[in-house]
PDB file of N, CA and C in Angstrom:
ATOM      1  N   MET A   1      48.356  76.495  86.745  1.00  0.00           N
ATOM      2  CA  MET A   1      47.834  77.859  86.718  1.00  0.00           C
ATOM      3  C   MET A   1      48.572  78.747  87.709  1.00  0.00           C
ATOM      4  N   ARG A   2      48.826  78.185  88.907  1.00  0.00           N
ATOM      5  CA  ARG A   2      49.521  78.976  89.923  1.00  0.00           C
ATOM      6  C   ARG A   2      50.925  79.365  89.439  1.00  0.00           C
ATOM      7  N   GLY A   3      51.639  78.425  88.790  1.00  0.00           N
ATOM      8  CA  GLY A   3      52.974  78.702  88.254  1.00  0.00           C
ATOM      9  C   GLY A   3      52.935  79.808  87.209  1.00  0.00           C
ATOM     10  N   LEU A   4      51.897  79.814  86.384  1.00  0.00           N
ATOM     11  CA  LEU A   4      51.749  80.835  85.366  1.00  0.00           C
ATOM     12  C   LEU A   4      51.553  82.204  86.001  1.00  0.00           C
ATOM     13  N   LEU A   5      50.739  82.286  87.051  1.00  0.00           N
ATOM     14  CA  LEU A   5      50.508  83.561  87.730  1.00  0.00           C
ATOM     15  C   LEU A   5      51.784  84.088  88.369  1.00  0.00           C
ATOM     16  N   ILE A   6      52.566  83.189  88.974  1.00  0.00           N
ATOM     17  CA  ILE A   6      53.822  83.612  89.580  1.00  0.00           C
ATOM     18  C   ILE A   6      54.766  84.116  88.500  1.00  0.00           C
ATOM     19  N   SER A   7      54.854  83.411  87.368  1.00  0.00           N
ATOM     20  CA  SER A   7      55.721  83.825  86.269  1.00  0.00           C
ATOM     21  C   SER A   7      55.324  85.194  85.742  1.00  0.00           C
ATOM     22  N   VAL A   8      54.026  85.430  85.573  1.00  0.00           N
ATOM     23  CA  VAL A   8      53.545  86.718  85.091  1.00  0.00           C
ATOM     24  C   VAL A   8      53.895  87.813  86.094  1.00  0.00           C
ATOM     25  N   ALA A   9      53.740  87.535  87.390  1.00  0.00           N
ATOM     26  CA  ALA A   9      54.064  88.532  88.410  1.00  0.00           C
ATOM     27  C   ALA A   9      55.550  88.866  88.393  1.00  0.00           C
ATOM     28  N   VAL A  10      56.405  87.853  88.268  1.00  0.00           N
ATOM     29  CA  VAL A  10      57.853  88.089  88.234  1.00  0.00           C
ATOM     30  C   VAL A  10      58.235  88.865  86.989  1.00  0.00           C
ATOM     31  N   LEU A  11      57.727  88.474  85.826  1.00  0.00           N
ATOM     32  CA  LEU A  11      58.032  89.186  84.593  1.00  0.00           C
ATOM     33  C   LEU A  11      57.532  90.622  84.651  1.00  0.00           C
ATOM     34  N   GLY A  12      56.378  90.837  85.237  1.00  0.00           N
ATOM     35  CA  GLY A  12      55.859  92.190  85.379  1.00  0.00           C
ATOM     36  C   GLY A  12      56.757  93.046  86.242  1.00  0.00           C
ATOM     37  N   ALA A  13      57.282  92.475  87.327  1.00  0.00           N
ATOM     38  CA  ALA A  13      58.176  93.222  88.209  1.00  0.00           C
ATOM     39  C   ALA A  13      59.478  93.549  87.512  1.00  0.00           C
ATOM     40  N   ILE A  14      59.993  92.602  86.717  1.00  0.00           N
ATOM     41  CA  ILE A  14      61.242  92.842  85.996  1.00  0.00           C
ATOM     42  C   ILE A  14      61.054  93.921  84.948  1.00  0.00           C
ATOM     43  N   SER A  15      59.984  93.838  84.175  1.00  0.00           N
ATOM     44  CA  SER A  15      59.788  94.817  83.113  1.00  0.00           C
ATOM     45  C   SER A  15      59.465  96.196  83.675  1.00  0.00           C
ATOM     46  N   ALA A  16      58.849  96.273  84.852  1.00  0.00           N
ATOM     47  CA  ALA A  16      58.545  97.582  85.439  1.00  0.00           C
ATOM     48  C   ALA A  16      59.825  98.304  85.812  1.00  0.00           C
ATOM     49  N   GLY A  17      60.836  97.583  86.278  1.00  0.00           N
ATOM     50  CA  GLY A  17      62.107  98.201  86.638  1.00  0.00           C
ATOM     51  C   GLY A  17      62.961  98.512  85.431  1.00  0.00           C
ATOM     52  N   ALA A  18      62.751  97.799  84.330  1.00  0.00           N
ATOM     53  CA  ALA A  18      63.610  97.958  83.167  1.00  0.00           C
ATOM     54  C   ALA A  18      63.487  99.342  82.538  1.00  0.00           C
ATOM     55  N   GLY A  19      62.327  99.952  82.591  1.00  0.00           N
ATOM     56  CA  GLY A  19      62.140 101.243  81.954  1.00  0.00           C
ATOM     57  C   GLY A  19      62.375 102.415  82.897  1.00  0.00           C
ATOM     58  N   ALA A  20      62.804 102.136  84.126  1.00  0.00           N
ATOM     59  CA  ALA A  20      62.996 103.199  85.103  1.00  0.00           C
ATOM     60  C   ALA A  20      64.142 104.108  84.696  1.00  0.00           C
ATOM     61  N   ALA A  21      64.019 105.373  85.025  1.00  0.00           N
ATOM     62  CA  ALA A  21      65.083 106.335  84.726  1.00  0.00           C
ATOM     63  C   ALA A  21      66.308 106.034  85.587  1.00  0.00           C
ATOM     64  N   PRO A  22      67.512 106.247  85.049  1.00  0.00           N
ATOM     65  CA  PRO A  22      68.705 105.988  85.835  1.00  0.00           C
ATOM     66  C   PRO A  22      68.783 106.922  87.046  1.00  0.00           C
ATOM     67  N   GLN A  23      69.362 106.412  88.109  1.00  0.00           N
ATOM     68  CA  GLN A  23      69.532 107.186  89.347  1.00  0.00           C
ATOM     69  C   GLN A  23      70.531 108.312  89.104  1.00  0.00           C
ATOM     70  N   GLU A  24      70.263 109.477  89.633  1.00  0.00           N
ATOM     71  CA  GLU A  24      71.225 110.571  89.578  1.00  0.00           C
ATOM     72  C   GLU A  24      71.833 110.729  90.956  1.00  0.00           C
ATOM     73  N   TYR A  25      73.128 111.009  90.983  1.00  0.00           N
ATOM     74  CA  TYR A  25      73.862 111.135  92.238  1.00  0.00           C
ATOM     75  C   TYR A  25      74.461 112.524  92.356  1.00  0.00           C
ATOM     76  N   ASN A  26      74.799 112.895  93.582  1.00  0.00           N
ATOM     77  CA  ASN A  26      75.376 114.202  93.876  1.00  0.00           C
ATOM     78  C   ASN A  26      76.794 114.050  94.414  1.00  0.00           C
ATOM     79  N   ARG A  27      77.547 115.133  94.345  1.00  0.00           N
ATOM     80  CA  ARG A  27      78.869 115.132  94.965  1.00  0.00           C
ATOM     81  C   ARG A  27      78.729 114.757  96.431  1.00  0.00           C
ATOM     82  N   GLY A  28      79.610 113.880  96.892  1.00  0.00           N
ATOM     83  CA  GLY A  28      79.594 113.455  98.285  1.00  0.00           C
ATOM     84  C   GLY A  28      78.837 112.166  98.529  1.00  0.00           C
ATOM     85  N   ASP A  29      77.994 111.760  97.586  1.00  0.00           N
ATOM     86  CA  ASP A  29      77.261 110.498  97.752  1.00  0.00           C
ATOM     87  C   ASP A  29      78.239 109.327  97.764  1.00  0.00           C
ATOM     88  N   GLN A  30      77.986 108.371  98.631  1.00  0.00           N
ATOM     89  CA  GLN A  30      78.757 107.133  98.645  1.00  0.00           C
ATOM     90  C   GLN A  30      77.952 106.085  97.895  1.00  0.00           C
ATOM     91  N   VAL A  31      78.639 105.372  96.992  1.00  0.00           N
ATOM     92  CA  VAL A  31      77.966 104.402  96.137  1.00  0.00           C
ATOM     93  C   VAL A  31      78.762 103.099  96.061  1.00  0.00           C
ATOM     94  N   ARG A  32      78.052 102.020  95.743  1.00  0.00           N
ATOM     95  CA  ARG A  32      78.698 100.735  95.449  1.00  0.00           C
ATOM     96  C   ARG A  32      78.967 100.697  93.953  1.00  0.00           C
ATOM     97  N   VAL A  33      80.143 100.170  93.588  1.00  0.00           N
ATOM     98  CA  VAL A  33      80.587 100.183  92.199  1.00  0.00           C
ATOM     99  C   VAL A  33      80.969  98.773  91.763  1.00  0.00           C
ATOM    100  N   ASN A  34      80.661  98.441  90.522  1.00  0.00           N
ATOM    101  CA  ASN A  34      81.066  97.166  89.938  1.00  0.00           C
ATOM    102  C   ASN A  34      82.151  97.380  88.896  1.00  0.00           C
ATOM    103  N   THR A  35      82.932  96.328  88.657  1.00  0.00           N
ATOM    104  CA  THR A  35      83.912  96.344  87.583  1.00  0.00           C
ATOM    105  C   THR A  35      83.179  96.137  86.257  1.00  0.00           C
ATOM    106  N   VAL A  36      83.917  96.181  85.160  1.00  0.00           N
ATOM    107  CA  VAL A  36      83.329  95.997  83.840  1.00  0.00           C
ATOM    108  C   VAL A  36      82.625  94.645  83.727  1.00  0.00           C
ATOM    109  N   ASP A  37      83.182  93.606  84.381  1.00  0.00           N
ATOM    110  CA  ASP A  37      82.577  92.273  84.287  1.00  0.00           C
ATOM    111  C   ASP A  37      81.517  92.009  85.355  1.00  0.00           C
ATOM    112  N   GLY A  38      81.092  93.060  86.083  1.00  0.00           N
ATOM    113  CA  GLY A  38      79.991  92.925  87.029  1.00  0.00           C
ATOM    114  C   GLY A  38      80.370  92.523  88.437  1.00  0.00           C
ATOM    115  N   GLN A  39      81.656  92.386  88.713  1.00  0.00           N
ATOM    116  CA  GLN A  39      82.127  92.038  90.049  1.00  0.00           C
ATOM    117  C   GLN A  39      82.270  93.307  90.890  1.00  0.00           C
ATOM    118  N   PRO A  40      82.168  93.206  92.229  1.00  0.00           N
ATOM    119  CA  PRO A  40      82.377  94.391  93.065  1.00  0.00           C
ATOM    120  C   PRO A  40      83.773  94.963  92.847  1.00  0.00           C
ATOM    121  N   ALA A  41      83.845  96.274  92.718  1.00  0.00           N
ATOM    122  CA  ALA A  41      85.130  96.955  92.529  1.00  0.00           C
ATOM    123  C   ALA A  41      85.930  96.915  93.825  1.00  0.00           C
ATOM    124  N   ASP A  42      87.195  97.268  93.738  1.00  0.00           N
ATOM    125  CA  ASP A  42      88.047  97.331  94.913  1.00  0.00           C
ATOM    126  C   ASP A  42      88.622  98.736  95.008  1.00  0.00           C
ATOM    127  N   PRO A  43      88.210  99.541  95.952  1.00  0.00           N
ATOM    128  CA  PRO A  43      87.260  99.282  97.021  1.00  0.00           C
ATOM    129  C   PRO A  43      85.817  99.293  96.495  1.00  0.00           C
ATOM    130  N   PRO A  44      84.950  98.511  97.134  1.00  0.00           N
ATOM    131  CA  PRO A  44      83.575  98.392  96.632  1.00  0.00           C
ATOM    132  C   PRO A  44      82.722  99.637  96.852  1.00  0.00           C
ATOM    133  N   VAL A  45      83.040 100.417  97.877  1.00  0.00           N
ATOM    134  CA  VAL A  45      82.290 101.645  98.145  1.00  0.00           C
ATOM    135  C   VAL A  45      83.195 102.827  97.830  1.00  0.00           C
ATOM    136  N   GLN A  46      82.685 103.739  97.004  1.00  0.00           N
ATOM    137  CA  GLN A  46      83.454 104.907  96.605  1.00  0.00           C
ATOM    138  C   GLN A  46      82.584 106.147  96.738  1.00  0.00           C
ATOM    139  N   ARG A  47      83.242 107.289  96.743  1.00  0.00           N
ATOM    140  CA  ARG A  47      82.527 108.564  96.923  1.00  0.00           C
ATOM    141  C   ARG A  47      82.560 109.356  95.624  1.00  0.00           C
ATOM    142  N   ILE A  48      81.419 109.880  95.260  1.00  0.00           N
ATOM    143  CA  ILE A  48      81.329 110.716  94.059  1.00  0.00           C
ATOM    144  C   ILE A  48      81.859 112.105  94.404  1.00  0.00           C
ATOM    145  N   ILE A  49      82.867 112.538  93.634  1.00  0.00           N
ATOM    146  CA  ILE A  49      83.357 113.903  93.841  1.00  0.00           C
ATOM    147  C   ILE A  49      83.157 114.767  92.607  1.00  0.00           C
ATOM    148  N   GLY A  50      82.818 114.136  91.479  1.00  0.00           N
ATOM    149  CA  GLY A  50      82.581 114.900  90.265  1.00  0.00           C
ATOM    150  C   GLY A  50      81.350 114.397  89.536  1.00  0.00           C
ATOM    151  N   VAL A  51      80.477 115.337  89.163  1.00  0.00           N
ATOM    152  CA  VAL A  51      79.259 115.018  88.421  1.00  0.00           C
ATOM    153  C   VAL A  51      79.407 115.592  87.008  1.00  0.00           C
ATOM    154  N   PRO A  52      78.531 115.202  86.074  1.00  0.00           N
ATOM    155  CA  PRO A  52      78.668 115.709  84.715  1.00  0.00           C
ATOM    156  C   PRO A  52      78.821 117.232  84.668  1.00  0.00           C
ATOM    157  N   GLY A  53      79.834 117.664  83.901  1.00  0.00           N
ATOM    158  CA  GLY A  53      80.129 119.086  83.753  1.00  0.00           C
ATOM    159  C   GLY A  53      81.227 119.588  84.676  1.00  0.00           C
ATOM    160  N   ASP A  54      81.566 118.852  85.732  1.00  0.00           N
ATOM    161  CA  ASP A  54      82.626 119.265  86.649  1.00  0.00           C
ATOM    162  C   ASP A  54      84.002 119.084  86.012  1.00  0.00           C
ATOM    163  N   ARG A  55      84.903 119.987  86.313  1.00  0.00           N
ATOM    164  CA  ARG A  55      86.293 119.856  85.867  1.00  0.00           C
ATOM    165  C   ARG A  55      87.117 119.316  87.026  1.00  0.00           C
ATOM    166  N   ILE A  56      87.776 118.185  86.792  1.00  0.00           N
ATOM    167  CA  ILE A  56      88.597 117.518  87.798  1.00  0.00           C
ATOM    168  C   ILE A  56      90.058 117.741  87.450  1.00  0.00           C
ATOM    169  N   LYS A  57      90.828 118.220  88.427  1.00  0.00           N
ATOM    170  CA  LYS A  57      92.275 118.378  88.240  1.00  0.00           C
ATOM    171  C   LYS A  57      92.990 117.739  89.420  1.00  0.00           C
ATOM    172  N   ILE A  58      93.998 116.921  89.100  1.00  0.00           N
ATOM    173  CA  ILE A  58      94.856 116.329  90.127  1.00  0.00           C
ATOM    174  C   ILE A  58      96.291 116.547  89.663  1.00  0.00           C
ATOM    175  N   ASP A  59      97.103 117.139  90.537  1.00  0.00           N
ATOM    176  CA  ASP A  59      98.480 117.443  90.151  1.00  0.00           C
ATOM    177  C   ASP A  59      99.519 116.702  91.004  1.00  0.00           C
ATOM    178  N   GLY A  60      99.093 115.697  91.744  1.00  0.00           N
ATOM    179  CA  GLY A  60     100.016 114.961  92.606  1.00  0.00           C
ATOM    180  C   GLY A  60     100.025 115.473  94.034  1.00  0.00           C
ATOM    181  N   LYS A  61      99.541 116.686  94.246  1.00  0.00           N
ATOM    182  CA  LYS A  61      99.494 117.267  95.594  1.00  0.00           C
ATOM    183  C   LYS A  61      98.080 117.634  96.016  1.00  0.00           C
ATOM    184  N   THR A  62      97.283 118.078  95.049  1.00  0.00           N
ATOM    185  CA  THR A  62      95.916 118.484  95.358  1.00  0.00           C
ATOM    186  C   THR A  62      94.951 117.915  94.334  1.00  0.00           C
ATOM    187  N   LEU A  63      93.724 117.775  94.766  1.00  0.00           N
ATOM    188  CA  LEU A  63      92.631 117.352  93.901  1.00  0.00           C
ATOM    189  C   LEU A  63      91.608 118.474  93.941  1.00  0.00           C
ATOM    190  N   THR A  64      91.283 119.031  92.789  1.00  0.00           N
ATOM    191  CA  THR A  64      90.309 120.117  92.744  1.00  0.00           C
ATOM    192  C   THR A  64      89.127 119.739  91.861  1.00  0.00           C
ATOM    193  N   VAL A  65      87.984 120.246  92.238  1.00  0.00           N
ATOM    194  CA  VAL A  65      86.763 120.121  91.453  1.00  0.00           C
ATOM    195  C   VAL A  65      86.299 121.541  91.176  1.00  0.00           C
ATOM    196  N   ASN A  66      86.252 121.899  89.901  1.00  0.00           N
ATOM    197  CA  ASN A  66      85.873 123.258  89.502  1.00  0.00           C
ATOM    198  C   ASN A  66      86.725 124.299  90.226  1.00  0.00           C
ATOM    199  N   ASP A  67      88.033 124.035  90.279  1.00  0.00           N
ATOM    200  CA  ASP A  67      89.035 124.912  90.884  1.00  0.00           C
ATOM    201  C   ASP A  67      88.907 125.080  92.396  1.00  0.00           C
ATOM    202  N   ARG A  68      88.170 124.198  93.066  1.00  0.00           N
ATOM    203  CA  ARG A  68      88.072 124.200  94.530  1.00  0.00           C
ATOM    204  C   ARG A  68      88.731 122.938  95.060  1.00  0.00           C
ATOM    205  N   ALA A  69      89.698 123.101  95.957  1.00  0.00           N
ATOM    206  CA  ALA A  69      90.422 121.965  96.512  1.00  0.00           C
ATOM    207  C   ALA A  69      89.505 121.119  97.394  1.00  0.00           C
ATOM    208  N   ILE A  70      89.645 119.800  97.279  1.00  0.00           N
ATOM    209  CA  ILE A  70      88.918 118.864  98.137  1.00  0.00           C
ATOM    210  C   ILE A  70      89.864 118.527  99.279  1.00  0.00           C
ATOM    211  N   ALA A  71      89.517 118.955 100.490  1.00  0.00           N
ATOM    212  CA  ALA A  71      90.435 118.884 101.624  1.00  0.00           C
ATOM    213  C   ALA A  71      90.504 117.522 102.296  1.00  0.00           C
ATOM    214  N   ASP A  72      89.453 116.732 102.217  1.00  0.00           N
ATOM    215  CA  ASP A  72      89.435 115.488 103.002  1.00  0.00           C
ATOM    216  C   ASP A  72      89.857 114.256 102.200  1.00  0.00           C
ATOM    217  N   ILE A  73      90.748 114.447 101.240  1.00  0.00           N
ATOM    218  CA  ILE A  73      91.317 113.339 100.462  1.00  0.00           C
ATOM    219  C   ILE A  73      92.742 113.121 100.962  1.00  0.00           C
ATOM    220  N   SER A  74      93.076 111.880 101.280  1.00  0.00           N
ATOM    221  CA  SER A  74      94.410 111.598 101.816  1.00  0.00           C
ATOM    222  C   SER A  74      95.484 111.819 100.759  1.00  0.00           C
ATOM    223  N   PRO A  75      96.686 112.244 101.177  1.00  0.00           N
ATOM    224  CA  PRO A  75      97.798 112.420 100.229  1.00  0.00           C
ATOM    225  C   PRO A  75      98.122 111.122  99.477  1.00  0.00           C
ATOM    226  N   GLN A  76      97.964 109.974 100.155  1.00  0.00           N
ATOM    227  CA  GLN A  76      98.229 108.688  99.500  1.00  0.00           C
ATOM    228  C   GLN A  76      97.236 108.427  98.371  1.00  0.00           C
ATOM    229  N   LEU A  77      95.986 108.798  98.592  1.00  0.00           N
ATOM    230  CA  LEU A  77      94.975 108.619  97.548  1.00  0.00           C
ATOM    231  C   LEU A  77      95.264 109.547  96.376  1.00  0.00           C
ATOM    232  N   ILE A  78      95.638 110.779  96.657  1.00  0.00           N
ATOM    233  CA  ILE A  78      95.966 111.725  95.578  1.00  0.00           C
ATOM    234  C   ILE A  78      97.127 111.196  94.752  1.00  0.00           C
ATOM    235  N   LEU A  79      98.160 110.669  95.409  1.00  0.00           N
ATOM    236  CA  LEU A  79      99.296 110.086  94.685  1.00  0.00           C
ATOM    237  C   LEU A  79      98.867 108.893  93.841  1.00  0.00           C
ATOM    238  N   ALA A  80      97.996 108.050  94.386  1.00  0.00           N
ATOM    239  CA  ALA A  80      97.526 106.869  93.650  1.00  0.00           C
ATOM    240  C   ALA A  80      96.715 107.257  92.411  1.00  0.00           C
ATOM    241  N   CYS A  81      96.123 108.440  92.427  1.00  0.00           N
ATOM    242  CA  CYS A  81      95.291 108.876  91.304  1.00  0.00           C
ATOM    243  C   CYS A  81      96.103 109.301  90.093  1.00  0.00           C
ATOM    244  N   GLY A  82      97.357 109.689  90.306  1.00  0.00           N
ATOM    245  CA  GLY A  82      98.143 110.182  89.178  1.00  0.00           C
ATOM    246  C   GLY A  82      97.703 111.584  88.800  1.00  0.00           C
ATOM    247  N   SER A  83      97.890 111.949  87.539  1.00  0.00           N
ATOM    248  CA  SER A  83      97.522 113.284  87.056  1.00  0.00           C
ATOM    249  C   SER A  83      96.215 113.222  86.284  1.00  0.00           C
ATOM    250  N   TRP A  84      95.370 114.201  86.537  1.00  0.00           N
ATOM    251  CA  TRP A  84      94.104 114.332  85.818  1.00  0.00           C
ATOM    252  C   TRP A  84      93.897 115.788  85.468  1.00  0.00           C
ATOM    253  N   ASP A  85      93.261 116.021  84.366  1.00  0.00           N
ATOM    254  CA  ASP A  85      92.755 117.340  84.000  1.00  0.00           C
ATOM    255  C   ASP A  85      91.695 117.078  82.938  1.00  0.00           C
ATOM    256  N   ASP A  86      90.476 116.874  83.395  1.00  0.00           N
ATOM    257  CA  ASP A  86      89.417 116.441  82.496  1.00  0.00           C
ATOM    258  C   ASP A  86      88.071 116.930  83.015  1.00  0.00           C
ATOM    259  N   THR A  87      87.113 117.013  82.130  1.00  0.00           N
ATOM    260  CA  THR A  87      85.744 117.374  82.485  1.00  0.00           C
ATOM    261  C   THR A  87      84.897 116.111  82.470  1.00  0.00           C
ATOM    262  N   VAL A  88      84.076 115.946  83.494  1.00  0.00           N
ATOM    263  CA  VAL A  88      83.192 114.784  83.588  1.00  0.00           C
ATOM    264  C   VAL A  88      82.105 114.942  82.532  1.00  0.00           C
ATOM    265  N   ARG A  89      82.048 113.984  81.622  1.00  0.00           N
ATOM    266  CA  ARG A  89      81.063 114.067  80.538  1.00  0.00           C
ATOM    267  C   ARG A  89      79.711 113.493  80.979  1.00  0.00           C
ATOM    268  N   ALA A  90      78.705 113.775  80.205  1.00  0.00           N
ATOM    269  CA  ALA A  90      77.344 113.321  80.504  1.00  0.00           C
ATOM    270  C   ALA A  90      77.316 111.813  80.680  1.00  0.00           C
ATOM    271  N   GLY A  91      76.528 111.348  81.647  1.00  0.00           N
ATOM    272  CA  GLY A  91      76.373 109.918  81.893  1.00  0.00           C
ATOM    273  C   GLY A  91      77.526 109.297  82.668  1.00  0.00           C
ATOM    274  N   HIS A  92      78.420 110.121  83.210  1.00  0.00           N
ATOM    275  CA  HIS A  92      79.581 109.634  83.952  1.00  0.00           C
ATOM    276  C   HIS A  92      79.699 110.354  85.289  1.00  0.00           C
ATOM    277  N   TYR A  93      80.501 109.766  86.175  1.00  0.00           N
ATOM    278  CA  TYR A  93      80.817 110.367  87.467  1.00  0.00           C
ATOM    279  C   TYR A  93      82.304 110.136  87.741  1.00  0.00           C
ATOM    280  N   PHE A  94      82.909 111.039  88.502  1.00  0.00           N
ATOM    281  CA  PHE A  94      84.296 110.842  88.941  1.00  0.00           C
ATOM    282  C   PHE A  94      84.234 110.430  90.402  1.00  0.00           C
ATOM    283  N   LEU A  95      84.825 109.263  90.697  1.00  0.00           N
ATOM    284  CA  LEU A  95      84.744 108.687  92.040  1.00  0.00           C
ATOM    285  C   LEU A  95      86.128 108.465  92.630  1.00  0.00           C
ATOM    286  N   VAL A  96      86.193 108.530  93.959  1.00  0.00           N
ATOM    287  CA  VAL A  96      87.399 108.161  94.694  1.00  0.00           C
ATOM    288  C   VAL A  96      86.996 107.178  95.778  1.00  0.00           C
ATOM    289  N   GLY A  97      87.915 106.281  96.076  1.00  0.00           N
ATOM    290  CA  GLY A  97      87.659 105.314  97.129  1.00  0.00           C
ATOM    291  C   GLY A  97      88.948 104.915  97.800  1.00  0.00           C
ATOM    292  N   GLU A  98      88.858 104.680  99.084  1.00  0.00           N
ATOM    293  CA  GLU A  98      90.028 104.271  99.858  1.00  0.00           C
ATOM    294  C   GLU A  98      89.541 103.328 100.941  1.00  0.00           C
ATOM    295  N   GLN A  99      90.120 102.143 100.970  1.00  0.00           N
ATOM    296  CA  GLN A  99      89.743 101.160 101.982  1.00  0.00           C
ATOM    297  C   GLN A  99      91.020 100.673 102.638  1.00  0.00           C
ATOM    298  N   LEU A 100      91.133 100.931 103.935  1.00  0.00           N
ATOM    299  CA  LEU A 100      92.314 100.519 104.689  1.00  0.00           C
ATOM    300  C   LEU A 100      91.969  99.284 105.496  1.00  0.00           C
ATOM    301  N   GLN A 101      92.794  98.241 105.350  1.00  0.00           N
ATOM    302  CA  GLN A 101      92.591  96.995 106.081  1.00  0.00           C
ATOM    303  C   GLN A 101      93.922  96.573 106.673  1.00  0.00           C
ATOM    304  N   GLY A 102      94.105  96.828 107.960  1.00  0.00           N
ATOM    305  CA  GLY A 102      95.379  96.488 108.593  1.00  0.00           C
ATOM    306  C   GLY A 102      96.499  97.278 107.949  1.00  0.00           C
ATOM    307  N   VAL A 103      97.474  96.574 107.396  1.00  0.00           N
ATOM    308  CA  VAL A 103      98.603  97.252 106.757  1.00  0.00           C
ATOM    309  C   VAL A 103      98.400  97.430 105.254  1.00  0.00           C
ATOM    310  N   SER A 104      97.350  96.839 104.694  1.00  0.00           N
ATOM    311  CA  SER A 104      97.109  96.984 103.258  1.00  0.00           C
ATOM    312  C   SER A 104      96.037  98.036 102.993  1.00  0.00           C
ATOM    313  N   ALA A 105      96.071  98.560 101.795  1.00  0.00           N
ATOM    314  CA  ALA A 105      95.090  99.578 101.411  1.00  0.00           C
ATOM    315  C   ALA A 105      94.767  99.416  99.940  1.00  0.00           C
ATOM    316  N   SER A 106      93.521  99.693  99.594  1.00  0.00           N
ATOM    317  CA  SER A 106      93.153  99.779  98.187  1.00  0.00           C
ATOM    318  C   SER A 106      92.630 101.192  97.957  1.00  0.00           C
ATOM    319  N   ARG A 107      93.116 101.775  96.875  1.00  0.00           N
ATOM    320  CA  ARG A 107      92.742 103.151  96.557  1.00  0.00           C
ATOM    321  C   ARG A 107      92.364 103.220  95.092  1.00  0.00           C
ATOM    322  N   ALA A 108      91.363 104.045  94.792  1.00  0.00           N
ATOM    323  CA  ALA A 108      90.932 104.165  93.400  1.00  0.00           C
ATOM    324  C   ALA A 108      90.414 105.560  93.108  1.00  0.00           C
ATOM    325  N   CYS A 109      90.737 106.038  91.924  1.00  0.00           N
ATOM    326  CA  CYS A 109      90.157 107.242  91.340  1.00  0.00           C
ATOM    327  C   CYS A 109      89.715 106.836  89.957  1.00  0.00           C
ATOM    328  N   SER A 110      88.496 107.162  89.605  1.00  0.00           N
ATOM    329  CA  SER A 110      88.049 106.725  88.289  1.00  0.00           C
ATOM    330  C   SER A 110      86.913 107.580  87.758  1.00  0.00           C
ATOM    331  N   LEU A 111      86.923 107.702  86.458  1.00  0.00           N
ATOM    332  CA  LEU A 111      85.834 108.334  85.732  1.00  0.00           C
ATOM    333  C   LEU A 111      85.003 107.188  85.180  1.00  0.00           C
ATOM    334  N   LEU A 112      83.825 106.987  85.746  1.00  0.00           N
ATOM    335  CA  LEU A 112      83.023 105.809  85.414  1.00  0.00           C
ATOM    336  C   LEU A 112      81.684 106.177  84.801  1.00  0.00           C
ATOM    337  N   PRO A 113      81.194 105.322  83.885  1.00  0.00           N
ATOM    338  CA  PRO A 113      79.828 105.524  83.407  1.00  0.00           C
ATOM    339  C   PRO A 113      78.840 105.217  84.535  1.00  0.00           C
ATOM    340  N   ALA A 114      77.739 105.895  84.530  1.00  0.00           N
ATOM    341  CA  ALA A 114      76.714 105.702  85.572  1.00  0.00           C
ATOM    342  C   ALA A 114      76.245 104.255  85.644  1.00  0.00           C
ATOM    343  N   SER A 115      76.330 103.519  84.555  1.00  0.00           N
ATOM    344  CA  SER A 115      75.874 102.134  84.532  1.00  0.00           C
ATOM    345  C   SER A 115      76.686 101.217  85.441  1.00  0.00           C
ATOM    346  N   ARG A 116      77.896 101.624  85.841  1.00  0.00           N
ATOM    347  CA  ARG A 116      78.729 100.811  86.710  1.00  0.00           C
ATOM    348  C   ARG A 116      78.428 101.041  88.191  1.00  0.00           C
ATOM    349  N   ILE A 117      77.578 102.027  88.485  1.00  0.00           N
ATOM    350  CA  ILE A 117      77.183 102.298  89.859  1.00  0.00           C
ATOM    351  C   ILE A 117      75.999 101.406  90.198  1.00  0.00           C
ATOM    352  N   VAL A 118      76.155 100.582  91.233  1.00  0.00           N
ATOM    353  CA  VAL A 118      75.127  99.619  91.626  1.00  0.00           C
ATOM    354  C   VAL A 118      74.025 100.311  92.426  1.00  0.00           C
ATOM    355  N   GLY A 119      74.397 101.236  93.298  1.00  0.00           N
ATOM    356  CA  GLY A 119      73.414 101.938  94.110  1.00  0.00           C
ATOM    357  C   GLY A 119      74.074 102.731  95.206  1.00  0.00           C
ATOM    358  N   GLY A 120      73.306 103.551  95.850  1.00  0.00           N
ATOM    359  CA  GLY A 120      73.805 104.382  96.934  1.00  0.00           C
ATOM    360  C   GLY A 120      73.980 103.603  98.217  1.00  0.00           C
ATOM    361  N   VAL A 121      74.789 104.147  99.113  1.00  0.00           N
ATOM    362  CA  VAL A 121      75.050 103.555 100.414  1.00  0.00           C
ATOM    363  C   VAL A 121      74.458 104.489 101.470  1.00  0.00           C
ATOM    364  N   GLN A 122      73.671 103.926 102.367  1.00  0.00           N
ATOM    365  CA  GLN A 122      73.091 104.722 103.453  1.00  0.00           C
ATOM    366  C   GLN A 122      74.147 105.015 104.498  1.00  0.00           C
ATOM    367  N   ARG A 123      74.201 106.247 104.964  1.00  0.00           N
ATOM    368  CA  ARG A 123      75.171 106.623 105.997  1.00  0.00           C
ATOM    369  C   ARG A 123      74.541 106.575 107.348  1.00  0.00           C
TER     370      ARG A 123
END
């Protein structure tokens, strides 16, 4: 009987979270991101710079969101991003991430579905 009660409690907790509305994020939020196969992305923590409806442009020298330059992005990260000129569609976010470790660095720019965001990071 005790095992049955524990099982019911666990299933109830799982099903209560299953119907929850997806988290919405804002520009500047730092989030943890997974790859398509569910593994932590590299870099694992990235910053949201574009939300649905934002226009992202990268020309190799500057990164703009809705025609406003983002000043605190490193030139190396901008170069790693390549060229972009796209609008963030519903259910997606545009993220950038840079992780420096000694002499190596991982950099990423990506337009990701919200489902790949694991959760926010407390600052």
